[in-house]
Protein backbone atom coordinates (compact mmCIF):
# COMPACT_ATOMS: atom_id res chain seq x y z
CA MET A 1 -154.98 -186.72 -105.87
CA GLN A 2 -154.49 -187.45 -102.17
CA ARG A 3 -154.41 -191.15 -102.92
CA VAL A 4 -151.64 -190.54 -105.48
CA LEU A 5 -149.60 -188.63 -102.88
CA VAL A 6 -150.05 -191.45 -100.33
CA PHE A 7 -148.97 -194.00 -102.97
CA VAL A 8 -145.85 -191.99 -103.86
CA LEU A 9 -144.92 -191.59 -100.21
CA CYS A 10 -145.30 -195.33 -99.59
CA LEU A 11 -143.24 -196.06 -102.71
CA VAL A 12 -140.43 -193.81 -101.45
CA VAL A 13 -140.45 -195.38 -98.00
CA GLY A 14 -140.50 -198.86 -99.53
CA CYS A 15 -137.53 -198.11 -101.73
CA CYS A 16 -135.72 -196.74 -98.72
CA SER A 17 -136.22 -200.04 -96.93
CA ILE A 18 -133.97 -202.08 -99.20
CA VAL A 19 -131.38 -204.08 -97.26
CA GLU A 20 -128.17 -202.04 -96.95
CA PRO A 21 -124.88 -203.33 -98.35
CA ALA A 22 -122.12 -204.68 -96.05
CA SER A 23 -120.04 -201.54 -96.45
CA ALA A 24 -122.97 -199.46 -95.23
CA ARG A 25 -123.43 -201.71 -92.22
CA ARG A 26 -119.84 -201.22 -91.30
CA ARG A 27 -120.32 -197.44 -91.41
CA ARG A 28 -123.25 -197.62 -89.01
CA THR A 29 -120.81 -197.76 -86.13
CA VAL A 30 -120.04 -194.17 -86.95
CA LEU A 31 -123.21 -192.69 -88.40
CA PRO A 32 -126.81 -194.06 -88.39
CA ARG A 33 -128.28 -194.94 -91.71
CA TRP A 34 -131.58 -193.24 -90.82
CA GLU A 35 -132.16 -190.03 -88.95
CA TRP A 36 -135.56 -188.48 -88.18
CA HIS A 37 -136.39 -184.87 -87.14
CA LEU A 38 -139.57 -183.30 -85.92
CA ASP A 39 -140.28 -179.56 -85.82
CA ALA A 40 -143.38 -178.10 -84.21
CA SER A 41 -144.45 -174.47 -84.04
CA LEU A 42 -147.25 -172.41 -82.56
CA ALA A 43 -147.85 -168.76 -83.46
CA ALA A 44 -150.25 -166.08 -82.32
CA VAL A 45 -150.95 -163.58 -85.07
CA TYR A 46 -152.92 -160.37 -85.44
CA ASN A 47 -154.12 -159.74 -89.02
CA ASP A 48 -155.68 -156.32 -89.62
CA ASN A 49 -157.25 -157.15 -93.00
CA LEU A 50 -158.35 -160.73 -93.05
CA LEU A 51 -159.77 -160.93 -96.56
CA ARG A 52 -157.54 -158.23 -98.13
CA LEU A 53 -160.54 -155.92 -98.52
CA SER A 54 -160.20 -152.61 -100.22
CA GLU A 55 -160.75 -149.38 -98.27
CA ARG A 56 -164.15 -149.02 -100.03
CA ASP A 57 -165.30 -152.46 -98.87
CA GLN A 58 -164.05 -151.94 -95.34
CA ASP A 59 -165.94 -148.67 -95.13
CA GLN A 60 -169.06 -150.41 -96.36
CA PHE A 61 -168.70 -153.09 -93.75
CA GLN A 62 -168.26 -150.53 -90.98
CA ARG A 63 -171.28 -148.58 -92.03
CA ASP A 64 -173.66 -151.50 -92.17
CA PRO A 65 -172.28 -155.06 -91.58
CA GLY A 66 -175.74 -156.51 -92.13
CA ILE A 67 -175.94 -155.68 -95.81
CA PHE A 68 -172.26 -156.51 -96.60
CA PRO A 69 -172.22 -159.64 -98.79
CA VAL A 70 -169.50 -161.32 -96.74
CA SER A 71 -170.69 -162.62 -93.35
CA LEU A 72 -167.72 -161.34 -91.37
CA GLU A 73 -167.75 -160.68 -87.68
CA THR A 74 -164.84 -158.28 -88.06
CA THR A 75 -162.47 -157.29 -90.89
CA ASP A 76 -159.45 -158.03 -88.68
CA ASP A 77 -158.87 -161.07 -86.47
CA LEU A 78 -156.56 -163.00 -84.20
CA GLU A 79 -155.12 -166.13 -85.67
CA THR A 80 -153.52 -169.28 -84.25
CA GLU A 81 -151.10 -171.01 -86.57
CA PHE A 82 -149.95 -174.51 -85.70
CA SER A 83 -147.49 -176.42 -87.88
CA LEU A 84 -145.95 -179.88 -87.59
CA ALA A 85 -143.02 -180.93 -89.82
CA PRO A 86 -141.55 -184.48 -89.64
CA SER A 87 -138.60 -185.34 -91.81
CA LEU A 88 -136.49 -188.40 -92.49
CA ASN A 89 -132.88 -188.53 -93.75
CA TRP A 90 -131.43 -191.64 -95.44
CA ARG A 91 -127.72 -192.13 -95.94
CA ALA A 92 -128.21 -193.90 -99.26
CA PRO A 93 -125.84 -195.87 -101.46
CA MET A 94 -123.54 -194.04 -103.88
CA THR A 95 -122.70 -191.55 -101.10
CA LEU A 96 -126.04 -189.77 -101.38
CA MET A 97 -128.22 -188.18 -98.78
CA VAL A 98 -131.92 -188.57 -99.53
CA SER A 99 -134.41 -186.61 -97.43
CA GLY A 100 -138.17 -186.70 -97.25
CA ASP A 101 -140.23 -184.15 -95.40
CA TYR A 102 -143.91 -183.26 -94.75
CA ARG A 103 -145.34 -180.08 -93.32
CA ILE A 104 -148.91 -179.30 -92.29
CA LYS A 105 -150.02 -175.84 -91.11
CA ALA A 106 -153.46 -175.16 -89.68
CA VAL A 107 -154.71 -171.60 -89.39
CA THR A 108 -157.61 -170.94 -87.02
CA ARG A 109 -159.33 -167.54 -86.77
CA ALA A 110 -160.82 -166.42 -83.42
CA ARG A 111 -163.99 -164.69 -84.72
CA ASN A 112 -164.29 -165.78 -88.38
CA GLY A 113 -164.04 -169.52 -88.21
CA PHE A 114 -165.43 -170.06 -91.68
CA THR A 115 -162.13 -168.72 -93.12
CA ASP A 116 -159.97 -171.30 -91.39
CA TYR A 117 -157.68 -173.26 -93.69
CA GLN A 118 -154.80 -175.73 -93.89
CA THR A 119 -151.67 -176.05 -96.03
CA HIS A 120 -149.77 -179.21 -96.81
CA ALA A 121 -146.32 -179.65 -98.34
CA LEU A 122 -144.58 -182.93 -99.19
CA GLY A 123 -141.00 -182.93 -100.52
CA VAL A 124 -138.11 -185.19 -101.44
CA SER A 125 -134.52 -184.00 -101.94
CA VAL A 126 -131.16 -185.54 -102.74
CA ARG A 127 -127.61 -184.33 -102.54
CA PRO A 128 -124.04 -185.80 -102.29
CA ARG A 129 -123.19 -186.98 -98.79
CA VAL A 130 -119.88 -185.20 -98.62
CA LYS A 131 -118.59 -182.08 -97.00
CA GLY A 132 -118.80 -179.05 -99.26
CA TYR A 133 -121.22 -180.78 -101.72
CA ARG A 134 -121.81 -178.80 -104.89
CA TRP A 135 -125.38 -179.64 -105.93
CA SER A 136 -128.80 -180.61 -104.65
CA ALA A 137 -132.13 -181.40 -106.27
CA ARG A 138 -135.66 -181.28 -104.83
CA PHE A 139 -139.22 -182.05 -105.79
CA ARG A 140 -142.12 -180.65 -103.77
CA VAL A 141 -145.93 -180.81 -103.81
CA PHE A 142 -147.84 -178.02 -102.05
CA ALA A 143 -151.61 -177.96 -101.50
CA ILE A 144 -154.34 -175.81 -99.96
CA PRO A 145 -157.45 -178.03 -100.00
CA SER A 146 -159.93 -175.25 -99.41
CA PHE A 147 -159.42 -171.50 -99.05
CA TYR A 148 -162.16 -168.90 -98.49
CA LEU A 149 -161.75 -165.91 -100.81
CA ARG A 150 -164.95 -163.90 -100.17
CA ALA A 151 -168.57 -163.86 -101.37
CA TYR A 152 -169.23 -163.04 -105.04
CA ARG A 153 -172.44 -162.69 -106.94
CA ASP A 154 -173.50 -165.57 -109.19
CA ARG A 155 -175.11 -163.51 -111.92
CA ASP A 156 -176.93 -166.48 -113.38
CA TRP A 157 -179.13 -166.45 -110.27
CA ASN A 158 -178.47 -162.96 -108.85
CA GLU A 159 -177.32 -164.53 -105.58
CA TYR A 160 -174.23 -164.18 -103.45
CA HIS A 161 -172.25 -167.29 -102.66
CA ALA A 162 -169.00 -168.07 -100.95
CA ALA A 163 -166.13 -168.35 -103.39
CA ARG A 164 -163.55 -171.01 -102.34
CA PHE A 165 -160.65 -172.49 -104.25
CA SER A 166 -158.18 -175.36 -103.92
CA ASN A 167 -154.55 -174.79 -104.88
CA TRP A 168 -152.10 -177.47 -106.02
CA ASP A 169 -148.48 -176.65 -106.87
CA TYR A 170 -145.82 -179.10 -108.23
CA GLU A 171 -142.25 -177.78 -108.19
CA GLY A 172 -138.83 -179.18 -109.15
CA SER A 173 -135.63 -177.32 -108.35
CA VAL A 174 -131.84 -177.71 -108.75
CA ARG A 175 -129.18 -175.88 -106.80
CA TYR A 176 -125.50 -175.66 -107.84
CA ARG A 177 -122.59 -174.18 -105.90
CA VAL A 178 -120.52 -172.00 -108.25
CA LEU A 179 -118.17 -170.70 -105.58
CA ASN A 180 -117.90 -171.76 -101.96
CA PRO A 181 -120.34 -169.05 -100.73
CA LEU A 182 -122.40 -168.73 -103.96
CA TRP A 183 -125.35 -170.92 -104.91
CA LEU A 184 -127.43 -170.69 -108.04
CA THR A 185 -130.97 -172.07 -108.21
CA ALA A 186 -133.35 -172.97 -111.07
CA LYS A 187 -137.00 -173.94 -110.53
CA LEU A 188 -139.87 -175.13 -112.69
CA ALA A 189 -143.39 -175.27 -111.27
CA TRP A 190 -146.93 -175.98 -112.54
CA GLY A 191 -150.01 -175.35 -110.53
CA SER A 192 -153.74 -174.81 -110.50
CA TYR A 193 -156.51 -172.93 -108.78
CA TYR A 194 -159.86 -174.68 -108.98
CA TYR A 195 -163.00 -173.04 -107.54
CA ASN A 196 -166.21 -174.38 -106.09
CA ALA A 197 -169.14 -175.25 -108.41
CA LYS A 198 -170.66 -171.73 -108.42
CA PHE A 199 -167.49 -170.09 -109.74
CA THR A 200 -165.71 -172.54 -112.04
CA GLU A 201 -165.36 -169.61 -114.46
CA TYR A 202 -162.41 -168.52 -112.23
CA ASP A 203 -160.45 -171.80 -112.66
CA SER A 204 -156.89 -171.28 -113.73
CA GLU A 205 -153.62 -173.10 -114.41
CA TYR A 206 -150.13 -171.57 -114.37
CA LEU A 207 -146.48 -172.21 -115.19
CA ASP A 208 -143.56 -170.75 -113.27
CA LEU A 209 -139.90 -170.40 -114.21
CA THR A 210 -137.50 -169.17 -111.49
CA ALA A 211 -133.83 -168.24 -111.40
CA GLY A 212 -132.21 -167.30 -108.15
CA ALA A 213 -128.91 -166.94 -106.24
CA SER A 214 -127.73 -166.84 -102.67
CA TYR A 215 -124.41 -165.62 -101.26
CA ASP A 216 -122.89 -165.92 -97.78
CA LEU A 217 -121.02 -162.76 -96.88
CA PRO A 218 -118.59 -162.38 -94.05
CA TRP A 219 -119.84 -161.32 -90.64
CA ASN A 220 -122.56 -164.01 -90.68
CA VAL A 221 -124.58 -162.17 -93.35
CA GLY A 222 -126.49 -163.99 -96.11
CA ILE A 223 -128.22 -162.42 -99.07
CA SER A 224 -130.49 -163.96 -101.67
CA GLY A 225 -132.59 -162.95 -104.68
CA ALA A 226 -134.81 -164.59 -107.24
CA TYR A 227 -136.84 -163.78 -110.30
CA THR A 228 -139.96 -165.69 -111.32
CA ARG A 229 -141.97 -165.47 -114.51
CA ARG A 230 -145.54 -166.75 -114.28
CA THR A 231 -147.97 -167.33 -117.16
CA SER A 232 -151.54 -168.06 -116.03
CA ASP A 233 -154.31 -169.38 -118.21
CA ASN A 234 -157.95 -168.73 -117.07
CA ILE A 235 -159.19 -172.07 -118.32
CA GLY A 236 -162.59 -171.62 -116.63
CA GLN A 237 -163.60 -168.67 -118.78
CA GLN A 238 -163.37 -170.78 -121.96
CA GLY A 239 -166.67 -172.40 -120.96
CA GLY A 240 -168.28 -169.21 -119.84
CA THR A 241 -171.30 -167.53 -121.35
CA SER A 242 -172.81 -164.11 -121.20
CA PRO A 243 -174.49 -163.29 -117.87
CA THR A 244 -178.20 -163.73 -117.80
CA TYR A 245 -178.67 -161.08 -115.11
CA ILE A 246 -177.09 -157.63 -115.00
CA PRO A 247 -179.00 -155.08 -112.98
CA SER A 248 -179.48 -151.80 -114.82
CA GLY A 249 -177.14 -148.98 -113.78
CA GLU A 250 -174.88 -151.35 -111.82
CA ASP A 251 -171.12 -150.99 -112.05
CA PRO A 252 -170.10 -154.18 -113.92
CA ILE A 253 -166.78 -154.50 -112.11
CA GLU A 254 -168.40 -155.80 -108.92
CA ASP A 255 -168.26 -159.30 -110.32
CA THR A 256 -165.66 -160.80 -112.70
CA GLU A 257 -167.42 -164.14 -113.26
CA TYR A 258 -167.39 -163.83 -116.97
CA GLY A 259 -164.12 -161.98 -117.60
CA ASP A 260 -160.88 -163.21 -119.14
CA ALA A 261 -158.35 -163.33 -116.30
CA ASN A 262 -155.31 -164.52 -118.31
CA PHE A 263 -152.15 -162.79 -117.15
CA ASN A 264 -148.37 -162.66 -117.13
CA GLU A 265 -146.58 -161.87 -113.89
CA ASP A 266 -143.00 -160.88 -113.01
CA GLU A 267 -142.00 -161.57 -109.43
CA PHE A 268 -138.85 -160.29 -107.66
CA ASN A 269 -137.67 -161.55 -104.25
CA ALA A 270 -134.81 -160.25 -102.14
CA ALA A 271 -133.78 -161.25 -98.61
CA VAL A 272 -131.04 -160.46 -96.07
CA SER A 273 -130.25 -162.53 -92.97
CA THR A 274 -127.78 -161.93 -90.25
CA ARG A 275 -126.87 -163.00 -86.70
CA ILE A 276 -126.61 -160.23 -84.16
CA PRO A 277 -124.47 -160.22 -81.02
CA TRP A 278 -127.09 -158.83 -78.66
CA ALA A 279 -126.16 -158.54 -75.03
CA SER A 280 -125.45 -161.92 -73.57
CA LEU A 281 -127.76 -163.73 -76.04
CA LYS A 282 -126.24 -165.93 -78.73
CA ARG A 283 -127.51 -166.92 -82.15
CA VAL A 284 -129.95 -164.04 -82.40
CA GLN A 285 -131.02 -163.88 -86.06
CA ALA A 286 -132.57 -160.97 -87.91
CA ASP A 287 -134.23 -161.35 -91.35
CA VAL A 288 -135.60 -158.81 -93.84
CA SER A 289 -137.34 -159.74 -97.10
CA TYR A 290 -139.21 -157.97 -99.86
CA ARG A 291 -141.43 -159.48 -102.60
CA LEU A 292 -142.71 -157.53 -105.57
CA ARG A 293 -145.20 -158.90 -108.13
CA ARG A 294 -146.07 -157.05 -111.30
CA ARG A 295 -149.10 -158.64 -112.98
CA VAL A 296 -150.37 -157.63 -116.43
CA TYR A 297 -153.77 -158.98 -117.59
CA THR A 298 -153.71 -159.99 -121.29
CA THR A 299 -157.36 -160.19 -122.28
CA ASP A 300 -158.07 -159.10 -125.88
CA ARG A 301 -161.71 -158.31 -125.11
CA VAL A 302 -162.83 -154.70 -125.43
CA LEU A 303 -163.30 -152.58 -122.32
CA GLU A 304 -167.13 -152.84 -122.40
CA GLN A 305 -166.94 -156.63 -122.46
CA ASP A 306 -164.35 -157.07 -119.74
CA PRO A 307 -163.90 -153.88 -117.72
CA PHE A 308 -162.32 -155.73 -114.80
CA HIS A 309 -159.30 -157.00 -116.76
CA ARG A 310 -158.88 -154.87 -119.88
CA GLY A 311 -155.75 -152.69 -119.57
CA ARG A 312 -155.26 -153.72 -115.93
CA LEU A 313 -151.89 -153.70 -114.09
CA ASP A 314 -151.48 -154.96 -110.51
CA LYS A 315 -148.41 -154.09 -108.43
CA ARG A 316 -148.24 -155.98 -105.18
CA GLY A 317 -145.49 -155.70 -102.63
CA GLN A 318 -144.86 -157.51 -99.36
CA PHE A 319 -142.25 -156.47 -96.78
CA THR A 320 -141.44 -158.77 -93.83
CA THR A 321 -138.97 -158.37 -91.00
CA SER A 322 -138.32 -160.81 -88.15
CA ILE A 323 -136.03 -161.47 -85.20
CA SER A 324 -135.60 -164.84 -83.53
CA THR A 325 -133.53 -166.23 -80.62
CA PRO A 326 -133.20 -169.50 -78.68
CA VAL A 327 -135.13 -169.45 -75.38
CA VAL A 328 -133.92 -172.79 -74.06
CA PRO A 329 -132.28 -175.68 -75.89
CA LYS A 330 -134.47 -176.81 -78.79
CA LEU A 331 -137.02 -174.05 -78.29
CA ARG A 332 -136.85 -170.86 -80.36
CA ALA A 333 -138.92 -167.67 -80.30
CA GLN A 334 -139.63 -165.39 -83.27
CA ALA A 335 -141.35 -162.07 -83.61
CA TYR A 336 -142.21 -160.74 -87.04
CA PHE A 337 -144.10 -157.98 -88.91
CA THR A 338 -145.51 -158.08 -92.46
CA TYR A 339 -146.77 -155.21 -94.54
CA GLU A 340 -148.59 -156.04 -97.78
CA VAL A 341 -149.99 -153.61 -100.32
CA ARG A 342 -151.58 -153.81 -103.79
CA ARG A 343 -151.99 -150.94 -106.18
CA THR A 344 -153.99 -151.37 -109.38
CA GLU A 345 -154.05 -149.36 -112.65
CA SER A 346 -156.99 -149.85 -115.02
CA GLU A 347 -158.76 -148.35 -117.97
CA TRP A 348 -161.99 -148.63 -115.95
CA PRO A 349 -161.78 -145.97 -113.22
CA SER A 350 -163.53 -147.84 -110.41
CA VAL A 351 -161.39 -151.04 -110.55
CA PRO A 352 -158.70 -149.60 -108.22
CA ASP A 353 -161.43 -148.87 -105.64
CA VAL A 354 -162.16 -152.60 -105.55
CA LYS A 355 -158.64 -154.05 -105.78
CA ASN A 356 -156.39 -151.71 -103.88
CA PHE A 357 -155.70 -152.88 -100.31
CA VAL A 358 -153.27 -152.64 -97.42
CA ARG A 359 -152.72 -155.43 -94.90
CA ARG A 360 -150.58 -155.61 -91.75
CA GLU A 361 -149.70 -158.70 -89.74
CA PHE A 362 -147.96 -159.03 -86.35
CA GLY A 363 -146.87 -162.44 -85.09
CA LEU A 364 -145.11 -164.16 -82.21
CA ALA A 365 -144.13 -167.79 -82.75
CA PHE A 366 -142.45 -170.50 -80.74
CA SER A 367 -140.83 -173.49 -82.44
CA TYR A 368 -139.53 -176.72 -80.89
CA SER A 369 -137.12 -179.09 -82.63
CA ILE A 370 -136.44 -182.76 -81.88
CA ARG A 371 -133.30 -184.22 -83.41
């Protein structure tokens, strides 16, 4: 897959290298045909629930870390997040602006290095190269090559192993300006979560449909909202079998290796952004956002066969607020706070004890832009 992405990127760059027409060469005295940008950021983050553990699991870790199946040093941690984002704009023929961008983010944990991970995003967008343009289109590929979830029991062997997944997401979107301050957005995305060899039963593929809008109000205030419908197919469970080892008297919801994790999810997003005249500072920006996901598992298995998913409803909310300001030219500072919570309802009474969690995150980031 990485080779395919490299090939696509080379193809785009090659197409962009076609000799420009005479009319474009004449315009170069006013505007360059190519422009490149580079954004770099570094953040220090405190995460008080690294693996999104339930209160029950955190209590178990605090009582006896030695017998806890996850080899954590601490349930919280300090993180360093570094991101680099080069981009290239091409003033293309037919009065179009074509942009390509790539972003890599590396997350490093201070005491739990085995949970470090990276994300990669590659995108191409196109829009008319005129003032007040009315539409834009974009295609993006997002990837997490390896993400540590936690340790689960492989019941075939009655052993705990690290569960890791890779996530690929392919998204196409179109934006259209209905009124001068009003944009409408439509997105279609397909993605996958594929797990390591011990837990291929968790593999899933999903389809997302999104409709959204953004509106610029007076007083430098912007609002936006979006709705996403996700349908996820737990393709790994189709090849599953019955577990060969289930200890007698054990609560079966500890492990979901042989369950049916198909689900439908409704996601709602809302955000408000504004610039604040604060003392002598200029361009101080404040943002508030809220994300709510309502996930319904759709297994048709009876409760005794699949206690972890039968009749289960997850409600997951995430609230984020931030404030940012320029420090010196090209350097910007941002402080933010995130509060995330999941509440689960289930026909099996002990499922909420495993899935409910609360997580808080505090961050301070500095970003530098080269234009």
